[in-house]
Protein backbone atom coordinates (compact mmCIF):
# COMPACT_ATOMS: atom_id res chain seq x y z
CA MET A 1 -4.55 -8.09 -9.83
CA ARG A 2 -0.87 -8.55 -9.07
CA PHE A 3 -0.16 -8.40 -5.33
CA LEU A 4 3.23 -7.54 -3.82
CA ILE A 5 4.59 -7.79 -0.30
CA ILE A 6 7.12 -5.05 0.51
CA LEU A 7 9.40 -5.14 3.56
CA VAL A 8 11.01 -1.82 4.46
CA ALA A 9 14.49 -2.06 6.01
CA PRO A 10 14.05 -5.40 7.81
CA ALA A 11 16.95 -5.89 10.22
CA ARG A 12 16.76 -9.59 11.08
CA ALA A 13 17.31 -12.24 8.46
CA GLU A 14 15.16 -14.69 10.41
CA ASN A 15 12.18 -12.34 10.16
CA VAL A 16 12.56 -12.07 6.40
CA GLY A 17 12.77 -15.85 6.13
CA ALA A 18 9.61 -16.21 8.22
CA ALA A 19 7.84 -13.65 6.03
CA ALA A 20 8.84 -15.56 2.89
CA ARG A 21 7.57 -18.80 4.39
CA ALA A 22 4.24 -17.18 5.29
CA MET A 23 3.93 -15.80 1.78
CA LYS A 24 4.62 -19.14 0.10
CA THR A 25 2.24 -20.99 2.41
CA MET A 26 -0.63 -18.62 1.57
CA GLY A 27 -0.02 -18.32 -2.17
CA PHE A 28 1.95 -15.07 -2.40
CA ALA A 29 5.17 -15.03 -4.41
CA GLN A 30 6.30 -11.47 -5.17
CA LEU A 31 8.52 -9.92 -2.51
CA ARG A 32 10.28 -6.55 -2.58
CA ILE A 33 12.91 -5.49 -0.06
CA VAL A 34 13.75 -1.84 0.69
CA ASP A 35 17.13 -0.75 2.05
CA SER A 36 18.22 -4.14 3.39
CA GLU A 37 20.30 -7.19 2.52
CA ALA A 38 18.88 -9.31 5.34
CA ASP A 39 17.22 -11.69 2.89
CA ARG A 40 20.64 -12.66 1.50
CA GLN A 41 21.94 -13.91 4.83
CA PRO A 42 21.98 -17.70 5.46
CA GLU A 43 19.59 -17.36 8.40
CA ALA A 44 16.84 -16.13 6.09
CA ARG A 45 17.08 -19.27 3.97
CA TRP A 46 17.13 -21.55 7.02
CA VAL A 47 13.90 -20.10 8.39
CA ALA A 48 12.23 -19.86 4.96
CA HIS A 49 12.49 -23.68 4.73
CA GLY A 50 11.07 -24.61 1.35
CA SER A 51 10.29 -21.04 0.33
CA GLY A 52 13.72 -20.22 -1.05
CA GLU A 53 12.36 -19.13 -4.44
CA VAL A 54 10.51 -16.25 -2.78
CA LEU A 55 13.85 -14.98 -1.45
CA GLU A 56 15.71 -15.73 -4.69
CA ASN A 57 13.23 -13.74 -6.74
CA ALA A 58 12.97 -10.81 -4.31
CA GLN A 59 13.59 -7.39 -5.84
CA HIS A 60 15.65 -4.75 -4.04
CA PHE A 61 15.13 -0.99 -3.93
CA PRO A 62 16.87 1.82 -2.03
CA THR A 63 13.63 3.61 -1.03
CA LEU A 64 9.96 2.77 -0.62
CA ALA A 65 8.98 5.34 -3.25
CA GLN A 66 11.14 3.51 -5.79
CA ALA A 67 9.72 0.14 -4.76
CA LEU A 68 6.23 1.51 -5.53
CA TYR A 69 7.14 2.72 -9.02
CA ASP A 70 4.63 0.42 -10.77
CA VAL A 71 2.08 0.01 -7.95
CA ASP A 72 -1.44 1.35 -8.45
CA PHE A 73 -2.78 0.81 -4.92
CA THR A 74 -0.72 0.79 -1.71
CA ILE A 75 -1.67 -0.47 1.75
CA ALA A 76 0.70 0.39 4.60
CA THR A 77 0.76 -1.32 7.98
CA THR A 78 1.08 0.85 11.08
CA ALA A 79 -0.03 1.21 14.69
CA ARG A 80 -3.20 3.28 15.03
CA SER A 81 -1.67 5.54 17.68
CA ARG A 82 1.23 6.46 15.41
CA ALA A 83 -0.70 7.01 12.21
CA LYS A 84 -0.79 10.55 10.86
CA PHE A 85 -3.99 9.88 8.95
CA HIS A 86 -7.30 8.79 10.38
CA TYR A 87 -8.54 6.05 8.06
CA TYR A 88 -7.53 2.70 9.44
CA ALA A 89 -8.62 -0.75 8.25
CA THR A 90 -8.35 -4.09 9.97
CA PRO A 91 -7.14 -7.08 7.92
CA GLN A 92 -10.76 -8.25 7.67
CA GLN A 93 -11.90 -4.87 6.34
CA LEU A 94 -9.29 -5.02 3.60
CA VAL A 95 -10.91 -8.06 2.02
CA PRO A 96 -14.03 -6.39 0.51
CA LEU A 97 -11.97 -3.31 -0.35
CA LEU A 98 -9.48 -5.37 -2.37
CA GLU A 99 -12.25 -7.56 -3.77
CA GLU A 100 -13.65 -4.51 -5.52
CA LYS A 101 -10.24 -3.09 -6.46
CA ARG A 102 -9.06 -6.30 -8.12
CA GLN A 103 -11.52 -5.69 -10.95
CA TRP A 104 -9.82 -2.48 -12.06
CA VAL A 105 -6.46 -2.11 -10.28
CA GLY A 106 -3.47 -3.73 -11.94
CA THR A 107 -0.97 -3.96 -9.07
CA ALA A 108 -1.44 -3.63 -5.31
CA ALA A 109 1.16 -3.73 -2.55
CA LEU A 110 1.09 -4.39 1.18
CA VAL A 111 3.95 -2.61 2.97
CA PHE A 112 5.48 -3.62 6.30
CA GLY A 113 7.80 -1.31 8.23
CA ARG A 114 10.91 -1.72 10.33
CA GLU A 115 10.80 -4.13 13.26
CA ASP A 116 11.64 -1.44 15.80
CA SER A 117 10.09 1.73 14.43
CA GLY A 118 7.68 0.86 11.63
CA LEU A 119 7.19 3.25 8.72
CA THR A 120 8.00 6.95 8.84
CA ASN A 121 5.30 9.58 8.31
CA GLU A 122 6.79 10.30 4.89
CA GLU A 123 6.49 6.62 3.95
CA LEU A 124 2.92 6.45 5.26
CA GLU A 125 2.02 9.36 3.01
CA LEU A 126 2.75 7.13 0.01
CA ALA A 127 -0.10 4.79 0.98
CA ASP A 128 -3.70 4.79 -0.17
CA VAL A 129 -4.98 3.00 2.93
CA LEU A 130 -3.48 2.31 6.36
CA THR A 131 -4.03 -0.94 8.21
CA GLY A 132 -3.13 -2.62 11.48
CA VAL A 133 -3.92 -5.68 13.52
CA PRO A 134 -6.16 -4.96 16.55
CA MET A 135 -4.66 -6.48 19.69
CA VAL A 136 -5.77 -6.68 23.31
CA ALA A 137 -2.39 -6.30 25.04
CA ASP A 138 -1.47 -2.95 26.58
CA TYR A 139 1.77 -3.06 24.64
CA PRO A 140 0.76 -4.82 21.43
CA SER A 141 3.49 -6.38 19.36
CA LEU A 142 3.77 -8.85 16.50
CA ASN A 143 7.09 -9.72 14.96
CA LEU A 144 7.46 -9.23 11.22
CA GLY A 145 6.93 -12.87 10.27
CA GLN A 146 3.76 -13.09 12.36
CA ALA A 147 2.36 -9.88 10.89
CA VAL A 148 2.97 -11.06 7.33
CA MET A 149 1.26 -14.38 8.11
CA VAL A 150 -1.81 -12.64 9.56
CA TYR A 151 -2.31 -10.59 6.41
CA CYS A 152 -1.42 -13.32 3.94
CA TYR A 153 -3.87 -15.67 5.64
CA GLN A 154 -6.63 -13.05 5.63
CA LEU A 155 -6.09 -12.15 1.97
CA SER A 156 -5.21 -15.60 0.62
CA ALA A 157 -8.67 -16.20 -0.86
CA LEU A 158 -8.12 -13.26 -3.21
CA MET A 159 -5.02 -14.92 -4.63
CA GLN A 160 -7.02 -17.98 -5.67
CA GLN A 161 -9.48 -16.06 -7.84
CA ALA A 162 -8.86 -15.30 -11.49
CA SER A 163 -8.66 -11.57 -12.14
CA ALA A 164 -10.41 -9.83 -14.98
CA GLU A 165 -8.17 -7.99 -17.42
CA SER A 166 -7.78 -4.43 -16.19
CA ASP A 167 -8.17 -1.70 -18.79
CA ALA A 168 -5.12 0.60 -18.86
CA VAL A 169 -7.39 3.64 -18.41
CA ASP A 170 -9.06 2.14 -15.35
CA VAL A 171 -5.71 1.30 -13.75
CA GLN A 172 -4.66 4.95 -13.95
CA GLN A 173 -7.95 6.38 -12.62
CA LEU A 174 -6.83 6.59 -9.00
CA ASN A 175 -3.40 8.10 -9.66
CA ALA A 176 -4.89 10.59 -12.11
CA LEU A 177 -7.53 11.57 -9.56
CA ARG A 178 -4.85 12.33 -6.98
CA SER A 179 -3.05 14.57 -9.43
CA ARG A 180 -6.23 16.41 -10.38
CA ILE A 181 -7.20 17.05 -6.76
CA THR A 182 -3.72 18.32 -5.93
CA ALA A 183 -3.86 20.69 -8.91
CA LEU A 184 -7.38 21.84 -7.97
CA LEU A 185 -6.32 22.67 -4.41
CA GLU A 186 -3.54 24.81 -5.82
CA ARG A 187 -5.93 26.62 -8.20
CA VAL A 188 -8.29 27.55 -5.37
CA ASP A 189 -5.40 28.51 -3.04
CA ALA A 190 -6.17 25.68 -0.63
CA SER A 191 -2.94 23.72 -1.01
CA ASP A 192 -1.68 25.06 2.34
CA ASP A 193 -4.56 23.38 4.17
CA GLN A 194 -2.57 20.25 5.03
CA LYS A 195 -5.36 18.69 7.08
CA LEU A 196 -7.74 18.89 4.12
CA ALA A 197 -5.14 17.61 1.67
CA ASP A 198 -4.27 14.66 3.93
CA TRP A 199 -7.94 13.79 4.41
CA LEU A 200 -8.65 13.89 0.68
CA GLN A 201 -5.64 11.80 -0.27
CA GLN A 202 -6.44 9.12 2.28
CA ARG A 203 -10.17 8.91 1.51
CA LEU A 204 -9.51 8.44 -2.21
CA GLY A 205 -8.21 4.96 -1.54
CA LEU A 206 -11.66 3.87 -0.35
CA LEU A 207 -13.47 4.80 -3.55
CA ALA A 208 -14.91 2.15 -5.81
CA GLN A 209 -14.36 2.31 -9.57
CA ARG A 210 -17.73 3.96 -10.30
CA ASP A 211 -17.18 6.56 -7.56
CA THR A 212 -13.74 7.35 -8.96
CA ALA A 213 -15.15 7.84 -12.45
CA MET A 214 -17.95 10.10 -11.16
CA LEU A 215 -15.51 12.20 -9.17
CA HIS A 216 -13.43 12.66 -12.32
CA ARG A 217 -16.55 14.00 -14.03
CA LEU A 218 -17.25 16.37 -11.15
CA LEU A 219 -13.69 17.68 -11.17
CA HIS A 220 -13.89 18.17 -14.92
CA ASP A 221 -17.00 20.32 -14.51
CA ILE A 222 -15.39 22.33 -11.71
CA GLU A 223 -12.20 22.86 -13.71
CA LYS A 224 -14.18 24.23 -16.67
CA LYS A 225 -15.81 26.87 -14.45
CA LEU A 226 -12.61 28.05 -12.79
CA PRO A 227 -10.59 30.82 -14.39
CA GLU A 228 -7.02 30.03 -15.32
CA LYS A 229 -4.67 30.85 -12.44
CA ASN A 230 -2.74 34.00 -13.24
CA THR A 231 0.96 33.32 -12.77
CA ASP A 232 2.11 36.87 -13.67
CA ASN A 233 3.56 39.04 -10.90
């Protein structure tokens, strides 16, 4: 499984340099930057200190959606109190989840938001799973470099394991399932139930490969029994 780190609109070059250094130290190499040139400032290279190739090879995108164009599974970092959706994993809880996913998901990404405001609700909606670091302080805060180090350290063991070749069909299972559920909600006139739609989309990210395949079978059986939606006025 290919694993990307994505930084959305980082403002401080030093934070990007610290993130690159954390990545290199823990075995991560693929960095994507959204809506920022901070990594190209000299301060980023000074702080990266020996991790310059991570910055040199970073890819740039104008939006998070574009940065996720080839990603099969997305994890977004956020504060629990600001999350629109309810499922929330600690860094430790991500390990078994990704351990299972690495057998059938081609590319995963871990997304970090802006230093001052994090990710928007629209950006969070692009994620399969939300995550955050539990902290004791009344006003918890980690800077970007520290947050990247926490996650890279926690997930570093996954980077040292050889991945099995992922079948192209398996890689597309999760994305196809999302599309089928969205279409099914429209066919049964439930697409306006935003709470249900949000819950379904977020829970899908927790499914194992076998569960995903079985849910595809169930949806197939349901679709066969439903009449075609009449689009005539």
